Amino acid sequence: MSDDEIKMVVAVVRPDKLGDVKQALAEAGAPSLTVTNVSGRGSQPAKTGQWRGEEYVVDLHQKVKIECVVSEIPAQDVVDAIADAAQTGEPGDGKIFVLPVEDAVQVRTGDSGPGAV
């Protein structure tokens, strides 16, 4: 990876795997991350339930979205760390996306580019 390249790794994983992913990212040298609670659907099957005698379908499952921006360590190392930590082998383990970042600016110092990450 070149010195001026910034990548954002976005992962959507099961909430119960968040602790494992955080630890794996710290061990990979990428401790900075942003976590958001999200819901979505993919290959994981819908669940049916009953409430007050009425049947309902839950097809949006609770997940966590993890965003990690890197410049000094390879994005592939971050992807591998997340994939290894989040995998259960069952449908609904999640997805990982790698996106190019045009620029970054650190609010406190005003630094921009890879130095801001």
PDB file of N, CA and C in Angstrom:
ATOM      1  N   MET A   1       0.850  -1.178   0.000  1.00  0.00           N
ATOM      2  CA  MET A   1       0.000   0.000   0.000  1.00  0.00           C
ATOM      3  C   MET A   1       0.890   1.234   0.000  1.00  0.00           C
ATOM      4  N   SER A   2       0.581   2.202  -0.841  1.00  0.00           N
ATOM      5  CA  SER A   2       1.407   3.405  -0.920  1.00  0.00           C
ATOM      6  C   SER A   2       1.149   4.307   0.279  1.00  0.00           C
ATOM      7  N   ASP A   3       2.118   5.221   0.525  1.00  0.00           N
ATOM      8  CA  ASP A   3       2.044   6.081   1.701  1.00  0.00           C
ATOM      9  C   ASP A   3       0.867   7.048   1.661  1.00  0.00           C
ATOM     10  N   ASP A   4       0.377   7.403   0.463  1.00  0.00           N
ATOM     11  CA  ASP A   4      -0.682   8.388   0.380  1.00  0.00           C
ATOM     12  C   ASP A   4      -2.066   7.764   0.210  1.00  0.00           C
ATOM     13  N   GLU A   5      -2.169   6.456   0.423  1.00  0.00           N
ATOM     14  CA  GLU A   5      -3.437   5.770   0.225  1.00  0.00           C
ATOM     15  C   GLU A   5      -4.154   5.563   1.562  1.00  0.00           C
ATOM     16  N   ILE A   6      -5.411   5.982   1.616  1.00  0.00           N
ATOM     17  CA  ILE A   6      -6.243   5.808   2.809  1.00  0.00           C
ATOM     18  C   ILE A   6      -7.403   4.914   2.411  1.00  0.00           C
ATOM     19  N   LYS A   7      -7.687   3.915   3.232  1.00  0.00           N
ATOM     20  CA  LYS A   7      -8.794   2.993   2.960  1.00  0.00           C
ATOM     21  C   LYS A   7      -9.735   2.955   4.157  1.00  0.00           C
ATOM     22  N   MET A   8     -11.023   2.796   3.873  1.00  0.00           N
ATOM     23  CA  MET A   8     -12.015   2.579   4.924  1.00  0.00           C
ATOM     24  C   MET A   8     -12.516   1.149   4.791  1.00  0.00           C
ATOM     25  N   VAL A   9     -12.428   0.412   5.874  1.00  0.00           N
ATOM     26  CA  VAL A   9     -12.959  -0.941   5.923  1.00  0.00           C
ATOM     27  C   VAL A   9     -14.266  -0.875   6.708  1.00  0.00           C
ATOM     28  N   VAL A  10     -15.352  -1.310   6.063  1.00  0.00           N
ATOM     29  CA  VAL A  10     -16.676  -1.301   6.681  1.00  0.00           C
ATOM     30  C   VAL A  10     -17.131  -2.749   6.799  1.00  0.00           C
ATOM     31  N   ALA A  11     -17.468  -3.155   8.008  1.00  0.00           N
ATOM     32  CA  ALA A  11     -17.921  -4.524   8.240  1.00  0.00           C
ATOM     33  C   ALA A  11     -19.267  -4.495   8.945  1.00  0.00           C
ATOM     34  N   VAL A  12     -20.157  -5.380   8.533  1.00  0.00           N
ATOM     35  CA  VAL A  12     -21.441  -5.567   9.199  1.00  0.00           C
ATOM     36  C   VAL A  12     -21.428  -6.993   9.738  1.00  0.00           C
ATOM     37  N   VAL A  13     -21.448  -7.118  11.075  1.00  0.00           N
ATOM     38  CA  VAL A  13     -21.297  -8.431  11.706  1.00  0.00           C
ATOM     39  C   VAL A  13     -22.332  -8.625  12.815  1.00  0.00           C
ATOM     40  N   ARG A  14     -22.368  -9.832  13.344  1.00  0.00           N
ATOM     41  CA  ARG A  14     -23.262 -10.149  14.462  1.00  0.00           C
ATOM     42  C   ARG A  14     -22.842  -9.362  15.709  1.00  0.00           C
ATOM     43  N   PRO A  15     -23.809  -8.872  16.475  1.00  0.00           N
ATOM     44  CA  PRO A  15     -23.468  -8.089  17.673  1.00  0.00           C
ATOM     45  C   PRO A  15     -22.634  -8.868  18.693  1.00  0.00           C
ATOM     46  N   ASP A  16     -22.859 -10.170  18.802  1.00  0.00           N
ATOM     47  CA  ASP A  16     -22.132 -10.948  19.799  1.00  0.00           C
ATOM     48  C   ASP A  16     -20.667 -11.174  19.421  1.00  0.00           C
ATOM     49  N   LYS A  17     -20.266 -10.816  18.203  1.00  0.00           N
ATOM     50  CA  LYS A  17     -18.888 -10.966  17.768  1.00  0.00           C
ATOM     51  C   LYS A  17     -18.098  -9.660  17.890  1.00  0.00           C
ATOM     52  N   LEU A  18     -18.739  -8.600  18.360  1.00  0.00           N
ATOM     53  CA  LEU A  18     -18.083  -7.292  18.438  1.00  0.00           C
ATOM     54  C   LEU A  18     -16.836  -7.328  19.315  1.00  0.00           C
ATOM     55  N   GLY A  19     -16.903  -7.948  20.472  1.00  0.00           N
ATOM     56  CA  GLY A  19     -15.740  -8.027  21.367  1.00  0.00           C
ATOM     57  C   GLY A  19     -14.565  -8.721  20.706  1.00  0.00           C
ATOM     58  N   ASP A  20     -14.841  -9.823  20.014  1.00  0.00           N
ATOM     59  CA  ASP A  20     -13.779 -10.549  19.314  1.00  0.00           C
ATOM     60  C   ASP A  20     -13.170  -9.697  18.199  1.00  0.00           C
ATOM     61  N   VAL A  21     -14.012  -8.971  17.476  1.00  0.00           N
ATOM     62  CA  VAL A  21     -13.519  -8.125  16.380  1.00  0.00           C
ATOM     63  C   VAL A  21     -12.673  -6.982  16.933  1.00  0.00           C
ATOM     64  N   LYS A  22     -13.111  -6.340  18.018  1.00  0.00           N
ATOM     65  CA  LYS A  22     -12.335  -5.253  18.618  1.00  0.00           C
ATOM     66  C   LYS A  22     -10.952  -5.743  19.036  1.00  0.00           C
ATOM     67  N   GLN A  23     -10.898  -6.908  19.650  1.00  0.00           N
ATOM     68  CA  GLN A  23      -9.622  -7.467  20.088  1.00  0.00           C
ATOM     69  C   GLN A  23      -8.732  -7.796  18.890  1.00  0.00           C
ATOM     70  N   ALA A  24      -9.315  -8.386  17.856  1.00  0.00           N
ATOM     71  CA  ALA A  24      -8.543  -8.735  16.656  1.00  0.00           C
ATOM     72  C   ALA A  24      -7.991  -7.489  15.968  1.00  0.00           C
ATOM     73  N   LEU A  25      -8.787  -6.412  15.920  1.00  0.00           N
ATOM     74  CA  LEU A  25      -8.311  -5.169  15.307  1.00  0.00           C
ATOM     75  C   LEU A  25      -7.171  -4.552  16.110  1.00  0.00           C
ATOM     76  N   ALA A  26      -7.276  -4.591  17.425  1.00  0.00           N
ATOM     77  CA  ALA A  26      -6.208  -4.060  18.268  1.00  0.00           C
ATOM     78  C   ALA A  26      -4.922  -4.853  18.049  1.00  0.00           C
ATOM     79  N   GLU A  27      -5.034  -6.167  17.944  1.00  0.00           N
ATOM     80  CA  GLU A  27      -3.857  -7.009  17.714  1.00  0.00           C
ATOM     81  C   GLU A  27      -3.264  -6.780  16.325  1.00  0.00           C
ATOM     82  N   ALA A  28      -4.102  -6.389  15.358  1.00  0.00           N
ATOM     83  CA  ALA A  28      -3.628  -6.123  13.994  1.00  0.00           C
ATOM     84  C   ALA A  28      -3.030  -4.724  13.856  1.00  0.00           C
ATOM     85  N   GLY A  29      -3.117  -3.915  14.919  1.00  0.00           N
ATOM     86  CA  GLY A  29      -2.560  -2.568  14.875  1.00  0.00           C
ATOM     87  C   GLY A  29      -3.534  -1.509  14.412  1.00  0.00           C
ATOM     88  N   ALA A  30      -4.828  -1.828  14.429  1.00  0.00           N
ATOM     89  CA  ALA A  30      -5.861  -0.873  14.009  1.00  0.00           C
ATOM     90  C   ALA A  30      -6.885  -0.706  15.134  1.00  0.00           C
ATOM     91  N   PRO A  31      -6.499  -0.056  16.230  1.00  0.00           N
ATOM     92  CA  PRO A  31      -7.400   0.042  17.378  1.00  0.00           C
ATOM     93  C   PRO A  31      -8.536   1.055  17.215  1.00  0.00           C
ATOM     94  N   SER A  32      -8.412   2.001  16.256  1.00  0.00           N
ATOM     95  CA  SER A  32      -9.438   3.028  16.080  1.00  0.00           C
ATOM     96  C   SER A  32     -10.581   2.489  15.233  1.00  0.00           C
ATOM     97  N   LEU A  33     -11.790   2.663  15.726  1.00  0.00           N
ATOM     98  CA  LEU A  33     -12.953   2.202  14.980  1.00  0.00           C
ATOM     99  C   LEU A  33     -14.188   2.960  15.417  1.00  0.00           C
ATOM    100  N   THR A  34     -15.211   2.884  14.590  1.00  0.00           N
ATOM    101  CA  THR A  34     -16.524   3.449  14.895  1.00  0.00           C
ATOM    102  C   THR A  34     -17.521   2.310  14.793  1.00  0.00           C
ATOM    103  N   VAL A  35     -18.415   2.210  15.779  1.00  0.00           N
ATOM    104  CA  VAL A  35     -19.402   1.128  15.809  1.00  0.00           C
ATOM    105  C   VAL A  35     -20.800   1.731  15.857  1.00  0.00           C
ATOM    106  N   THR A  36     -21.685   1.207  15.014  1.00  0.00           N
ATOM    107  CA  THR A  36     -23.066   1.655  14.942  1.00  0.00           C
ATOM    108  C   THR A  36     -23.977   0.437  14.992  1.00  0.00           C
ATOM    109  N   ASN A  37     -25.059   0.516  15.748  1.00  0.00           N
ATOM    110  CA  ASN A  37     -26.070  -0.551  15.740  1.00  0.00           C
ATOM    111  C   ASN A  37     -26.956  -0.359  14.516  1.00  0.00           C
ATOM    112  N   VAL A  38     -27.080  -1.410  13.718  1.00  0.00           N
ATOM    113  CA  VAL A  38     -27.875  -1.357  12.497  1.00  0.00           C
ATOM    114  C   VAL A  38     -28.744  -2.612  12.418  1.00  0.00           C
ATOM    115  N   SER A  39     -29.671  -2.622  11.473  1.00  0.00           N
ATOM    116  CA  SER A  39     -30.429  -3.832  11.190  1.00  0.00           C
ATOM    117  C   SER A  39     -30.477  -4.006   9.681  1.00  0.00           C
ATOM    118  N   GLY A  40     -30.565  -5.249   9.267  1.00  0.00           N
ATOM    119  CA  GLY A  40     -30.579  -5.509   7.833  1.00  0.00           C
ATOM    120  C   GLY A  40     -30.918  -6.957   7.557  1.00  0.00           C
ATOM    121  N   ARG A  41     -30.929  -7.291   6.281  1.00  0.00           N
ATOM    122  CA  ARG A  41     -31.200  -8.678   5.925  1.00  0.00           C
ATOM    123  C   ARG A  41     -30.327  -9.071   4.751  1.00  0.00           C
ATOM    124  N   GLY A  42     -30.053 -10.341   4.695  1.00  0.00           N
ATOM    125  CA  GLY A  42     -29.224 -10.904   3.637  1.00  0.00           C
ATOM    126  C   GLY A  42     -29.590 -12.363   3.500  1.00  0.00           C
ATOM    127  N   SER A  43     -28.606 -13.234   3.607  1.00  0.00           N
ATOM    128  CA  SER A  43     -28.854 -14.663   3.440  1.00  0.00           C
ATOM    129  C   SER A  43     -29.404 -15.320   4.696  1.00  0.00           C
ATOM    130  N   GLN A  44     -29.359 -14.624   5.834  1.00  0.00           N
ATOM    131  CA  GLN A  44     -29.872 -15.184   7.077  1.00  0.00           C
ATOM    132  C   GLN A  44     -31.393 -15.299   6.983  1.00  0.00           C
ATOM    133  N   PRO A  45     -31.954 -16.472   7.304  1.00  0.00           N
ATOM    134  CA  PRO A  45     -33.402 -16.649   7.146  1.00  0.00           C
ATOM    135  C   PRO A  45     -34.215 -15.787   8.115  1.00  0.00           C
ATOM    136  N   ALA A  46     -35.441 -15.460   7.692  1.00  0.00           N
ATOM    137  CA  ALA A  46     -36.358 -14.692   8.540  1.00  0.00           C
ATOM    138  C   ALA A  46     -36.841 -15.562   9.686  1.00  0.00           C
ATOM    139  N   LYS A  47     -37.202 -14.928  10.789  1.00  0.00           N
ATOM    140  CA  LYS A  47     -37.731 -15.643  11.947  1.00  0.00           C
ATOM    141  C   LYS A  47     -39.194 -15.262  12.128  1.00  0.00           C
ATOM    142  N   THR A  48     -40.004 -16.230  12.488  1.00  0.00           N
ATOM    143  CA  THR A  48     -41.412 -15.940  12.768  1.00  0.00           C
ATOM    144  C   THR A  48     -41.648 -16.052  14.261  1.00  0.00           C
ATOM    145  N   GLY A  49     -42.599 -15.273  14.737  1.00  0.00           N
ATOM    146  CA  GLY A  49     -42.940 -15.294  16.147  1.00  0.00           C
ATOM    147  C   GLY A  49     -44.404 -14.966  16.329  1.00  0.00           C
ATOM    148  N   GLN A  50     -44.835 -15.018  17.584  1.00  0.00           N
ATOM    149  CA  GLN A  50     -46.224 -14.670  17.896  1.00  0.00           C
ATOM    150  C   GLN A  50     -46.239 -13.662  19.029  1.00  0.00           C
ATOM    151  N   TRP A  51     -47.161 -12.701  18.896  1.00  0.00           N
ATOM    152  CA  TRP A  51     -47.352 -11.715  19.943  1.00  0.00           C
ATOM    153  C   TRP A  51     -48.833 -11.429  20.042  1.00  0.00           C
ATOM    154  N   ARG A  52     -49.406 -11.676  21.214  1.00  0.00           N
ATOM    155  CA  ARG A  52     -50.842 -11.509  21.459  1.00  0.00           C
ATOM    156  C   ARG A  52     -51.682 -12.249  20.426  1.00  0.00           C
ATOM    157  N   GLY A  53     -51.260 -13.454  20.111  1.00  0.00           N
ATOM    158  CA  GLY A  53     -52.012 -14.298  19.199  1.00  0.00           C
ATOM    159  C   GLY A  53     -51.798 -14.018  17.728  1.00  0.00           C
ATOM    160  N   GLU A  54     -51.064 -12.976  17.407  1.00  0.00           N
ATOM    161  CA  GLU A  54     -50.800 -12.630  16.008  1.00  0.00           C
ATOM    162  C   GLU A  54     -49.399 -13.086  15.628  1.00  0.00           C
ATOM    163  N   GLU A  55     -49.295 -13.690  14.460  1.00  0.00           N
ATOM    164  CA  GLU A  55     -47.991 -14.112  13.972  1.00  0.00           C
ATOM    165  C   GLU A  55     -47.324 -12.955  13.233  1.00  0.00           C
ATOM    166  N   TYR A  56     -46.018 -12.819  13.420  1.00  0.00           N
ATOM    167  CA  TYR A  56     -45.268 -11.773  12.720  1.00  0.00           C
ATOM    168  C   TYR A  56     -43.948 -12.358  12.230  1.00  0.00           C
ATOM    169  N   VAL A  57     -43.356 -11.684  11.265  1.00  0.00           N
ATOM    170  CA  VAL A  57     -42.094 -12.121  10.677  1.00  0.00           C
ATOM    171  C   VAL A  57     -41.032 -11.051  10.938  1.00  0.00           C
ATOM    172  N   VAL A  58     -39.895 -11.493  11.432  1.00  0.00           N
ATOM    173  CA  VAL A  58     -38.755 -10.594  11.627  1.00  0.00           C
ATOM    174  C   VAL A  58     -37.742 -10.940  10.546  1.00  0.00           C
ATOM    175  N   ASP A  59     -37.638 -10.069   9.536  1.00  0.00           N
ATOM    176  CA  ASP A  59     -36.669 -10.329   8.476  1.00  0.00           C
ATOM    177  C   ASP A  59     -35.518  -9.326   8.475  1.00  0.00           C
ATOM    178  N   LEU A  60     -35.546  -8.374   9.399  1.00  0.00           N
ATOM    179  CA  LEU A  60     -34.419  -7.469   9.597  1.00  0.00           C
ATOM    180  C   LEU A  60     -33.735  -7.866  10.900  1.00  0.00           C
ATOM    181  N   HIS A  61     -32.498  -8.307  10.805  1.00  0.00           N
ATOM    182  CA  HIS A  61     -31.766  -8.806  11.968  1.00  0.00           C
ATOM    183  C   HIS A  61     -30.840  -7.728  12.511  1.00  0.00           C
ATOM    184  N   GLN A  62     -30.673  -7.715  13.833  1.00  0.00           N
ATOM    185  CA  GLN A  62     -29.793  -6.745  14.475  1.00  0.00           C
ATOM    186  C   GLN A  62     -28.338  -7.092  14.168  1.00  0.00           C
ATOM    187  N   LYS A  63     -27.578  -6.098  13.760  1.00  0.00           N
ATOM    188  CA  LYS A  63     -26.160  -6.249  13.444  1.00  0.00           C
ATOM    189  C   LYS A  63     -25.411  -5.042  13.996  1.00  0.00           C
ATOM    190  N   VAL A  64     -24.091  -5.093  13.935  1.00  0.00           N
ATOM    191  CA  VAL A  64     -23.269  -3.927  14.227  1.00  0.00           C
ATOM    192  C   VAL A  64     -22.440  -3.609  12.998  1.00  0.00           C
ATOM    193  N   LYS A  65     -22.322  -2.325  12.715  1.00  0.00           N
ATOM    194  CA  LYS A  65     -21.521  -1.847  11.586  1.00  0.00           C
ATOM    195  C   LYS A  65     -20.240  -1.265  12.163  1.00  0.00           C
ATOM    196  N   ILE A  66     -19.117  -1.780  11.711  1.00  0.00           N
ATOM    197  CA  ILE A  66     -17.809  -1.352  12.195  1.00  0.00           C
ATOM    198  C   ILE A  66     -17.100  -0.644  11.051  1.00  0.00           C
ATOM    199  N   GLU A  67     -16.630   0.574  11.316  1.00  0.00           N
ATOM    200  CA  GLU A  67     -15.887   1.340  10.323  1.00  0.00           C
ATOM    201  C   GLU A  67     -14.485   1.587  10.861  1.00  0.00           C
ATOM    202  N   CYS A  68     -13.503   1.294  10.039  1.00  0.00           N
ATOM    203  CA  CYS A  68     -12.109   1.446  10.437  1.00  0.00           C
ATOM    204  C   CYS A  68     -11.353   2.059   9.267  1.00  0.00           C
ATOM    205  N   VAL A  69     -10.726   3.211   9.484  1.00  0.00           N
ATOM    206  CA  VAL A  69      -9.968   3.880   8.431  1.00  0.00           C
ATOM    207  C   VAL A  69      -8.482   3.662   8.717  1.00  0.00           C
ATOM    208  N   VAL A  70      -7.749   3.204   7.688  1.00  0.00           N
ATOM    209  CA  VAL A  70      -6.333   2.897   7.865  1.00  0.00           C
ATOM    210  C   VAL A  70      -5.505   3.525   6.748  1.00  0.00           C
ATOM    211  N   SER A  71      -4.257   3.846   7.091  1.00  0.00           N
ATOM    212  CA  SER A  71      -3.316   4.309   6.072  1.00  0.00           C
ATOM    213  C   SER A  71      -1.948   3.672   6.270  1.00  0.00           C
ATOM    214  N   GLU A  72      -1.563   3.414   7.496  1.00  0.00           N
ATOM    215  CA  GLU A  72      -0.228   2.881   7.770  1.00  0.00           C
ATOM    216  C   GLU A  72      -0.172   1.364   7.743  1.00  0.00           C
ATOM    217  N   ILE A  73      -1.293   0.696   7.968  1.00  0.00           N
ATOM    218  CA  ILE A  73      -1.305  -0.764   7.888  1.00  0.00           C
ATOM    219  C   ILE A  73      -2.169  -1.169   6.703  1.00  0.00           C
ATOM    220  N   PRO A  74      -1.860  -2.281   6.066  1.00  0.00           N
ATOM    221  CA  PRO A  74      -2.630  -2.707   4.890  1.00  0.00           C
ATOM    222  C   PRO A  74      -4.091  -2.991   5.234  1.00  0.00           C
ATOM    223  N   ALA A  75      -4.984  -2.534   4.373  1.00  0.00           N
ATOM    224  CA  ALA A  75      -6.411  -2.786   4.580  1.00  0.00           C
ATOM    225  C   ALA A  75      -6.704  -4.283   4.601  1.00  0.00           C
ATOM    226  N   GLN A  76      -5.935  -5.065   3.859  1.00  0.00           N
ATOM    227  CA  GLN A  76      -6.162  -6.512   3.825  1.00  0.00           C
ATOM    228  C   GLN A  76      -5.921  -7.143   5.196  1.00  0.00           C
ATOM    229  N   ASP A  77      -4.967  -6.603   5.975  1.00  0.00           N
ATOM    230  CA  ASP A  77      -4.739  -7.106   7.330  1.00  0.00           C
ATOM    231  C   ASP A  77      -5.965  -6.875   8.206  1.00  0.00           C
ATOM    232  N   VAL A  78      -6.603  -5.715   8.028  1.00  0.00           N
ATOM    233  CA  VAL A  78      -7.814  -5.395   8.786  1.00  0.00           C
ATOM    234  C   VAL A  78      -8.951  -6.319   8.359  1.00  0.00           C
ATOM    235  N   VAL A  79      -9.097  -6.531   7.062  1.00  0.00           N
ATOM    236  CA  VAL A  79     -10.141  -7.427   6.545  1.00  0.00           C
ATOM    237  C   VAL A  79      -9.951  -8.832   7.103  1.00  0.00           C
ATOM    238  N   ASP A  80      -8.720  -9.333   7.060  1.00  0.00           N
ATOM    239  CA  ASP A  80      -8.443 -10.676   7.562  1.00  0.00           C
ATOM    240  C   ASP A  80      -8.743 -10.794   9.049  1.00  0.00           C
ATOM    241  N   ALA A  81      -8.372  -9.767   9.819  1.00  0.00           N
ATOM    242  CA  ALA A  81      -8.621  -9.791  11.266  1.00  0.00           C
ATOM    243  C   ALA A  81     -10.117  -9.826  11.559  1.00  0.00           C
ATOM    244  N   ILE A  82     -10.881  -8.996  10.863  1.00  0.00           N
ATOM    245  CA  ILE A  82     -12.332  -8.972  11.085  1.00  0.00           C
ATOM    246  C   ILE A  82     -12.964 -10.294  10.667  1.00  0.00           C
ATOM    247  N   ALA A  83     -12.584 -10.794   9.492  1.00  0.00           N
ATOM    248  CA  ALA A  83     -13.179 -12.039   8.988  1.00  0.00           C
ATOM    249  C   ALA A  83     -12.894 -13.207   9.921  1.00  0.00           C
ATOM    250  N   ASP A  84     -11.672 -13.309  10.408  1.00  0.00           N
ATOM    251  CA  ASP A  84     -11.327 -14.410  11.310  1.00  0.00           C
ATOM    252  C   ASP A  84     -12.085 -14.308  12.628  1.00  0.00           C
ATOM    253  N   ALA A  85     -12.230 -13.085  13.144  1.00  0.00           N
ATOM    254  CA  ALA A  85     -12.882 -12.902  14.445  1.00  0.00           C
ATOM    255  C   ALA A  85     -14.400 -13.027  14.370  1.00  0.00           C
ATOM    256  N   ALA A  86     -15.000 -12.675  13.236  1.00  0.00           N
ATOM    257  CA  ALA A  86     -16.465 -12.631  13.136  1.00  0.00           C
ATOM    258  C   ALA A  86     -17.078 -13.911  12.594  1.00  0.00           C
ATOM    259  N   GLN A  87     -16.279 -14.798  12.055  1.00  0.00           N
ATOM    260  CA  GLN A  87     -16.826 -15.979  11.386  1.00  0.00           C
ATOM    261  C   GLN A  87     -17.362 -17.015  12.367  1.00  0.00           C
ATOM    262  N   THR A  88     -18.609 -17.454  12.112  1.00  0.00           N
ATOM    263  CA  THR A  88     -19.197 -18.569  12.860  1.00  0.00           C
ATOM    264  C   THR A  88     -19.467 -19.752  11.931  1.00  0.00           C
ATOM    265  N   GLY A  89     -19.476 -19.499  10.628  1.00  0.00           N
ATOM    266  CA  GLY A  89     -19.765 -20.546   9.661  1.00  0.00           C
ATOM    267  C   GLY A  89     -21.237 -20.699   9.350  1.00  0.00           C
ATOM    268  N   GLU A  90     -22.066 -19.838   9.921  1.00  0.00           N
ATOM    269  CA  GLU A  90     -23.507 -19.893   9.706  1.00  0.00           C
ATOM    270  C   GLU A  90     -23.953 -18.704   8.859  1.00  0.00           C
ATOM    271  N   PRO A  91     -25.122 -18.821   8.189  1.00  0.00           N
ATOM    272  CA  PRO A  91     -25.648 -17.655   7.460  1.00  0.00           C
ATOM    273  C   PRO A  91     -25.840 -16.478   8.420  1.00  0.00           C
ATOM    274  N   GLY A  92     -25.549 -15.287   7.938  1.00  0.00           N
ATOM    275  CA  GLY A  92     -25.722 -14.093   8.758  1.00  0.00           C
ATOM    276  C   GLY A  92     -24.453 -13.625   9.435  1.00  0.00           C
ATOM    277  N   ASP A  93     -23.297 -14.206   9.072  1.00  0.00           N
ATOM    278  CA  ASP A  93     -22.034 -13.769   9.664  1.00  0.00           C
ATOM    279  C   ASP A  93     -21.692 -12.336   9.291  1.00  0.00           C
ATOM    280  N   GLY A  94     -22.131 -11.873   8.125  1.00  0.00           N
ATOM    281  CA  GLY A  94     -21.925 -10.478   7.755  1.00  0.00           C
ATOM    282  C   GLY A  94     -21.129 -10.313   6.483  1.00  0.00           C
ATOM    283  N   LYS A  95     -20.758  -9.072   6.224  1.00  0.00           N
ATOM    284  CA  LYS A  95     -20.016  -8.699   5.020  1.00  0.00           C
ATOM    285  C   LYS A  95     -18.943  -7.683   5.408  1.00  0.00           C
ATOM    286  N   ILE A  96     -17.905  -7.604   4.564  1.00  0.00           N
ATOM    287  CA  ILE A  96     -16.835  -6.623   4.745  1.00  0.00           C
ATOM    288  C   ILE A  96     -16.630  -5.909   3.410  1.00  0.00           C
ATOM    289  N   PHE A  97     -16.540  -4.587   3.458  1.00  0.00           N
ATOM    290  CA  PHE A  97     -16.332  -3.771   2.273  1.00  0.00           C
ATOM    291  C   PHE A  97     -15.079  -2.922   2.469  1.00  0.00           C
ATOM    292  N   VAL A  98     -14.324  -2.715   1.403  1.00  0.00           N
ATOM    293  CA  VAL A  98     -13.146  -1.851   1.443  1.00  0.00           C
ATOM    294  C   VAL A  98     -13.373  -0.725   0.450  1.00  0.00           C
ATOM    295  N   LEU A  99     -13.271   0.521   0.944  1.00  0.00           N
ATOM    296  CA  LEU A  99     -13.543   1.702   0.129  1.00  0.00           C
ATOM    297  C   LEU A  99     -12.337   2.631   0.125  1.00  0.00           C
ATOM    298  N   PRO A 100     -12.059   3.275  -1.001  1.00  0.00           N
ATOM    299  CA  PRO A 100     -10.995   4.285  -1.002  1.00  0.00           C
ATOM    300  C   PRO A 100     -11.491   5.554  -0.304  1.00  0.00           C
ATOM    301  N   VAL A 101     -10.592   6.229   0.404  1.00  0.00           N
ATOM    302  CA  VAL A 101     -10.921   7.493   1.066  1.00  0.00           C
ATOM    303  C   VAL A 101     -10.122   8.585   0.365  1.00  0.00           C
ATOM    304  N   GLU A 102     -10.822   9.590  -0.115  1.00  0.00           N
ATOM    305  CA  GLU A 102     -10.167  10.663  -0.860  1.00  0.00           C
ATOM    306  C   GLU A 102      -9.263  11.504   0.028  1.00  0.00           C
ATOM    307  N   ASP A 103      -9.735  11.843   1.224  1.00  0.00           N
ATOM    308  CA  ASP A 103      -8.948  12.665   2.142  1.00  0.00           C
ATOM    309  C   ASP A 103      -9.490  12.496   3.545  1.00  0.00           C
ATOM    310  N   ALA A 104      -8.689  12.876   4.522  1.00  0.00           N
ATOM    311  CA  ALA A 104      -9.101  12.860   5.926  1.00  0.00           C
ATOM    312  C   ALA A 104      -8.525  14.108   6.583  1.00  0.00           C
ATOM    313  N   VAL A 105      -9.276  14.688   7.505  1.00  0.00           N
ATOM    314  CA  VAL A 105      -8.820  15.873   8.241  1.00  0.00           C
ATOM    315  C   VAL A 105      -9.060  15.630   9.715  1.00  0.00           C
ATOM    316  N   GLN A 106      -8.010  15.796  10.522  1.00  0.00           N
ATOM    317  CA  GLN A 106      -8.161  15.662  11.967  1.00  0.00           C
ATOM    318  C   GLN A 106      -8.616  17.010  12.515  1.00  0.00           C
ATOM    319  N   VAL A 107      -9.745  17.025  13.191  1.00  0.00           N
ATOM    320  CA  VAL A 107     -10.361  18.267  13.646  1.00  0.00           C
ATOM    321  C   VAL A 107      -9.467  19.001  14.644  1.00  0.00           C
ATOM    322  N   ARG A 108      -8.895  18.286  15.596  1.00  0.00           N
ATOM    323  CA  ARG A 108      -8.118  18.921  16.654  1.00  0.00           C
ATOM    324  C   ARG A 108      -6.892  19.641  16.124  1.00  0.00           C
ATOM    325  N   THR A 109      -6.138  18.997  15.230  1.00  0.00           N
ATOM    326  CA  THR A 109      -4.853  19.565  14.776  1.00  0.00           C
ATOM    327  C   THR A 109      -4.919  20.212  13.408  1.00  0.00           C
ATOM    328  N   GLY A 110      -5.915  19.864  12.614  1.00  0.00           N
ATOM    329  CA  GLY A 110      -5.996  20.370  11.254  1.00  0.00           C
ATOM    330  C   GLY A 110      -5.168  19.580  10.269  1.00  0.00           C
ATOM    331  N   ASP A 111      -4.479  18.530  10.745  1.00  0.00           N
ATOM    332  CA  ASP A 111      -3.695  17.674   9.844  1.00  0.00           C
ATOM    333  C   ASP A 111      -4.637  17.041   8.816  1.00  0.00           C
ATOM    334  N   SER A 112      -4.111  16.849   7.601  1.00  0.00           N
ATOM    335  CA  SER A 112      -4.905  16.195   6.581  1.00  0.00           C
ATOM    336  C   SER A 112      -4.093  15.104   5.910  1.00  0.00           C
ATOM    337  N   GLY A 113      -4.784  14.266   5.153  1.00  0.00           N
ATOM    338  CA  GLY A 113      -4.133  13.155   4.482  1.00  0.00           C
ATOM    339  C   GLY A 113      -3.885  11.979   5.428  1.00  0.00           C
ATOM    340  N   PRO A 114      -2.951  11.105   5.072  1.00  0.00           N
ATOM    341  CA  PRO A 114      -2.687   9.921   5.891  1.00  0.00           C
ATOM    342  C   PRO A 114      -2.264  10.250   7.325  1.00  0.00           C
ATOM    343  N   GLY A 115      -1.646  11.404   7.534  1.00  0.00           N
ATOM    344  CA  GLY A 115      -1.239  11.799   8.885  1.00  0.00           C
ATOM    345  C   GLY A 115      -2.422  12.060   9.811  1.00  0.00           C
ATOM    346  N   ALA A 116      -3.586  12.321   9.247  1.00  0.00           N
ATOM    347  CA  ALA A 116      -4.779  12.584  10.051  1.00  0.00           C
ATOM    348  C   ALA A 116      -5.413  11.299  10.560  1.00  0.00           C
ATOM    349  N   VAL A 117      -5.087  10.182   9.906  1.00  0.00           N
ATOM    350  CA  VAL A 117      -5.688   8.907  10.276  1.00  0.00           C
ATOM    351  C   VAL A 117      -4.972   8.375  11.494  1.00  0.00           C
TER     352      VAL A 117
END
